């Protein structure tokens, strides 16, 4: 499990995997307007696809990745 916890976050990570390895990402993304959970179930897709759906640019997505790796 520690191997999973130490995994680097990329824009290709699935939302499901992201919330498992870094639960605090839920609050971070919610603050950005990206919902990670609906009715208690994880949203499917990648971090990139979820951010693009909300209109974020590639530069903003790269900043999310950087921030999430530093949480």
N, C-alpha and C. Protein backbone atom coordinates (compact mmCIF):
# COMPACT_ATOMS: atom_id res chain seq x y z
N UNK A 1 0.82 -1.20 0.00
CA UNK A 1 0.00 0.00 0.00
C UNK A 1 0.86 1.25 0.00
N UNK A 2 2.02 1.25 0.68
CA UNK A 2 2.88 2.43 0.69
C UNK A 2 3.35 2.76 -0.72
N UNK A 3 3.48 1.74 -1.56
CA UNK A 3 3.87 1.96 -2.95
C UNK A 3 2.81 2.81 -3.66
N UNK A 4 1.55 2.54 -3.40
CA UNK A 4 0.46 3.30 -3.99
C UNK A 4 0.46 4.72 -3.45
N UNK A 5 0.65 4.88 -2.14
CA UNK A 5 0.63 6.20 -1.50
C UNK A 5 1.74 7.10 -2.04
N UNK A 6 2.85 6.52 -2.46
CA UNK A 6 3.99 7.29 -2.95
C UNK A 6 3.95 7.52 -4.46
N UNK A 7 2.90 7.08 -5.11
CA UNK A 7 2.78 7.22 -6.55
C UNK A 7 2.68 8.68 -6.94
N UNK A 8 3.40 9.05 -7.98
CA UNK A 8 3.36 10.43 -8.47
C UNK A 8 2.04 10.65 -9.21
N UNK A 9 1.48 11.83 -9.01
CA UNK A 9 0.22 12.17 -9.66
C UNK A 9 0.51 12.83 -11.00
N UNK A 10 -0.20 12.38 -12.02
CA UNK A 10 -0.11 12.97 -13.35
C UNK A 10 -1.50 13.34 -13.79
N UNK A 11 -1.61 14.05 -14.91
CA UNK A 11 -2.93 14.43 -15.41
C UNK A 11 -3.70 13.21 -15.91
N UNK A 12 -3.01 12.10 -16.13
CA UNK A 12 -3.66 10.88 -16.61
C UNK A 12 -4.22 10.01 -15.49
N UNK A 13 -3.96 10.38 -14.24
CA UNK A 13 -4.46 9.57 -13.12
C UNK A 13 -5.99 9.61 -13.12
N UNK A 14 -6.59 8.48 -12.80
CA UNK A 14 -8.06 8.47 -12.71
C UNK A 14 -8.47 9.15 -11.41
N UNK A 15 -9.64 9.77 -11.45
CA UNK A 15 -10.16 10.40 -10.24
C UNK A 15 -10.30 9.37 -9.13
N UNK A 16 -10.77 8.18 -9.48
CA UNK A 16 -10.93 7.12 -8.50
C UNK A 16 -9.60 6.81 -7.79
N UNK A 17 -8.53 6.65 -8.56
CA UNK A 17 -7.23 6.34 -7.96
C UNK A 17 -6.70 7.55 -7.16
N UNK A 18 -6.91 8.74 -7.68
CA UNK A 18 -6.44 9.94 -7.00
C UNK A 18 -7.03 10.06 -5.59
N UNK A 19 -8.33 9.85 -5.46
CA UNK A 19 -8.96 10.01 -4.14
C UNK A 19 -8.56 8.89 -3.19
N UNK A 20 -8.14 7.74 -3.73
CA UNK A 20 -7.67 6.65 -2.88
C UNK A 20 -6.27 6.97 -2.34
N UNK A 21 -5.37 7.43 -3.22
CA UNK A 21 -4.00 7.66 -2.78
C UNK A 21 -3.81 9.01 -2.10
N UNK A 22 -4.72 9.96 -2.37
CA UNK A 22 -4.60 11.29 -1.76
C UNK A 22 -5.99 11.83 -1.46
N UNK A 23 -6.61 11.36 -0.38
CA UNK A 23 -7.98 11.77 -0.05
C UNK A 23 -8.16 13.28 0.05
N UNK A 24 -7.11 14.00 0.46
CA UNK A 24 -7.21 15.45 0.57
C UNK A 24 -7.38 16.13 -0.79
N UNK A 25 -7.18 15.39 -1.87
CA UNK A 25 -7.39 15.93 -3.22
C UNK A 25 -8.85 16.28 -3.45
N UNK A 26 -9.76 15.60 -2.75
CA UNK A 26 -11.19 15.88 -2.92
C UNK A 26 -11.48 17.34 -2.57
N UNK A 27 -10.99 17.80 -1.44
CA UNK A 27 -11.21 19.18 -1.02
C UNK A 27 -10.55 20.15 -2.00
N UNK A 28 -9.32 19.86 -2.39
CA UNK A 28 -8.60 20.72 -3.33
C UNK A 28 -9.39 20.88 -4.63
N UNK A 29 -9.82 19.77 -5.20
CA UNK A 29 -10.54 19.83 -6.48
C UNK A 29 -11.92 20.46 -6.32
N UNK A 30 -12.60 20.19 -5.22
CA UNK A 30 -13.90 20.82 -4.98
C UNK A 30 -13.74 22.34 -4.92
N UNK A 31 -12.66 22.82 -4.32
CA UNK A 31 -12.39 24.26 -4.27
C UNK A 31 -12.19 24.84 -5.67
N UNK A 32 -11.78 24.01 -6.60
CA UNK A 32 -11.58 24.43 -7.99
C UNK A 32 -12.85 24.25 -8.82
N UNK A 33 -13.88 23.68 -8.21
CA UNK A 33 -15.14 23.46 -8.94
C UNK A 33 -15.21 22.12 -9.64
N UNK A 34 -14.26 21.23 -9.32
CA UNK A 34 -14.24 19.90 -9.92
C UNK A 34 -14.74 18.92 -8.88
N UNK A 35 -15.89 18.34 -9.14
CA UNK A 35 -16.45 17.37 -8.18
C UNK A 35 -15.79 16.02 -8.37
N UNK A 36 -15.39 15.44 -7.26
CA UNK A 36 -14.76 14.11 -7.29
C UNK A 36 -15.74 13.03 -6.91
N UNK A 37 -16.80 13.42 -6.22
CA UNK A 37 -17.77 12.44 -5.75
C UNK A 37 -19.17 12.93 -6.05
N UNK A 38 -20.01 12.02 -6.46
CA UNK A 38 -21.43 12.31 -6.65
C UNK A 38 -22.17 11.20 -5.94
N UNK A 39 -23.01 11.58 -5.01
CA UNK A 39 -23.79 10.59 -4.23
C UNK A 39 -22.88 9.54 -3.59
N UNK A 40 -21.68 9.95 -3.17
CA UNK A 40 -20.78 9.05 -2.48
C UNK A 40 -19.97 8.14 -3.40
N UNK A 41 -20.19 8.23 -4.70
CA UNK A 41 -19.45 7.39 -5.64
C UNK A 41 -18.42 8.24 -6.39
N UNK A 42 -17.21 7.69 -6.62
CA UNK A 42 -16.21 8.47 -7.36
C UNK A 42 -16.65 8.73 -8.80
N UNK A 43 -16.22 9.86 -9.32
CA UNK A 43 -16.45 10.19 -10.72
C UNK A 43 -15.42 9.43 -11.54
N UNK A 44 -15.81 8.86 -12.65
CA UNK A 44 -14.89 8.12 -13.51
C UNK A 44 -14.22 9.08 -14.47
N UNK A 45 -13.06 8.73 -14.94
CA UNK A 45 -12.32 9.56 -15.88
C UNK A 45 -11.02 10.00 -15.24
N UNK A 46 -10.25 10.75 -16.01
CA UNK A 46 -8.95 11.20 -15.53
C UNK A 46 -9.05 12.60 -14.93
N UNK A 47 -8.02 12.98 -14.22
CA UNK A 47 -7.92 14.33 -13.70
C UNK A 47 -8.02 15.33 -14.85
N UNK A 48 -7.32 15.04 -15.93
CA UNK A 48 -7.33 15.93 -17.09
C UNK A 48 -8.74 16.06 -17.69
N UNK A 49 -9.42 14.95 -17.88
CA UNK A 49 -10.75 15.01 -18.49
C UNK A 49 -11.74 15.74 -17.59
N UNK A 50 -11.65 15.53 -16.28
CA UNK A 50 -12.53 16.21 -15.34
C UNK A 50 -12.29 17.71 -15.36
N UNK A 51 -11.02 18.11 -15.43
CA UNK A 51 -10.67 19.54 -15.45
C UNK A 51 -11.08 20.18 -16.79
N UNK A 52 -10.87 19.45 -17.88
CA UNK A 52 -11.25 19.98 -19.21
C UNK A 52 -12.76 20.19 -19.30
N UNK A 53 -13.53 19.29 -18.69
CA UNK A 53 -14.99 19.43 -18.68
C UNK A 53 -15.41 20.73 -18.02
N UNK A 54 -14.60 21.22 -17.08
CA UNK A 54 -14.90 22.46 -16.37
C UNK A 54 -14.24 23.67 -17.03
N UNK A 55 -13.57 23.45 -18.18
CA UNK A 55 -13.01 24.55 -18.94
C UNK A 55 -11.61 24.99 -18.55
N UNK A 56 -10.91 24.18 -17.77
CA UNK A 56 -9.55 24.54 -17.39
C UNK A 56 -8.57 24.30 -18.53
N UNK A 57 -7.57 25.16 -18.62
CA UNK A 57 -6.55 25.07 -19.67
C UNK A 57 -5.49 24.03 -19.31
N UNK A 58 -4.66 23.68 -20.29
CA UNK A 58 -3.56 22.75 -20.04
C UNK A 58 -2.63 23.30 -18.96
N UNK A 59 -2.37 24.60 -18.99
CA UNK A 59 -1.50 25.23 -18.00
C UNK A 59 -2.09 25.11 -16.60
N UNK A 60 -3.39 25.34 -16.48
CA UNK A 60 -4.05 25.22 -15.18
C UNK A 60 -4.03 23.77 -14.69
N UNK A 61 -4.21 22.83 -15.60
CA UNK A 61 -4.18 21.41 -15.23
C UNK A 61 -2.79 21.02 -14.73
N UNK A 62 -1.75 21.52 -15.39
CA UNK A 62 -0.39 21.24 -14.94
C UNK A 62 -0.16 21.80 -13.54
N UNK A 63 -0.74 22.96 -13.23
CA UNK A 63 -0.64 23.55 -11.89
C UNK A 63 -1.37 22.67 -10.87
N UNK A 64 -2.53 22.13 -11.26
CA UNK A 64 -3.25 21.20 -10.37
C UNK A 64 -2.36 20.00 -10.04
N UNK A 65 -1.73 19.44 -11.07
CA UNK A 65 -0.86 18.27 -10.87
C UNK A 65 0.26 18.62 -9.89
N UNK A 66 0.88 19.76 -10.11
CA UNK A 66 1.96 20.21 -9.23
C UNK A 66 1.46 20.37 -7.79
N UNK A 67 0.34 21.06 -7.64
CA UNK A 67 -0.23 21.27 -6.31
C UNK A 67 -0.57 19.95 -5.63
N UNK A 68 -1.21 19.05 -6.36
CA UNK A 68 -1.63 17.78 -5.78
C UNK A 68 -0.44 16.93 -5.37
N UNK A 69 0.65 16.99 -6.12
CA UNK A 69 1.86 16.26 -5.73
C UNK A 69 2.50 16.86 -4.49
N UNK A 70 2.21 18.13 -4.21
CA UNK A 70 2.82 18.79 -3.04
C UNK A 70 1.93 18.78 -1.81
N UNK A 71 0.71 18.27 -1.93
CA UNK A 71 -0.19 18.20 -0.76
C UNK A 71 0.34 17.14 0.19
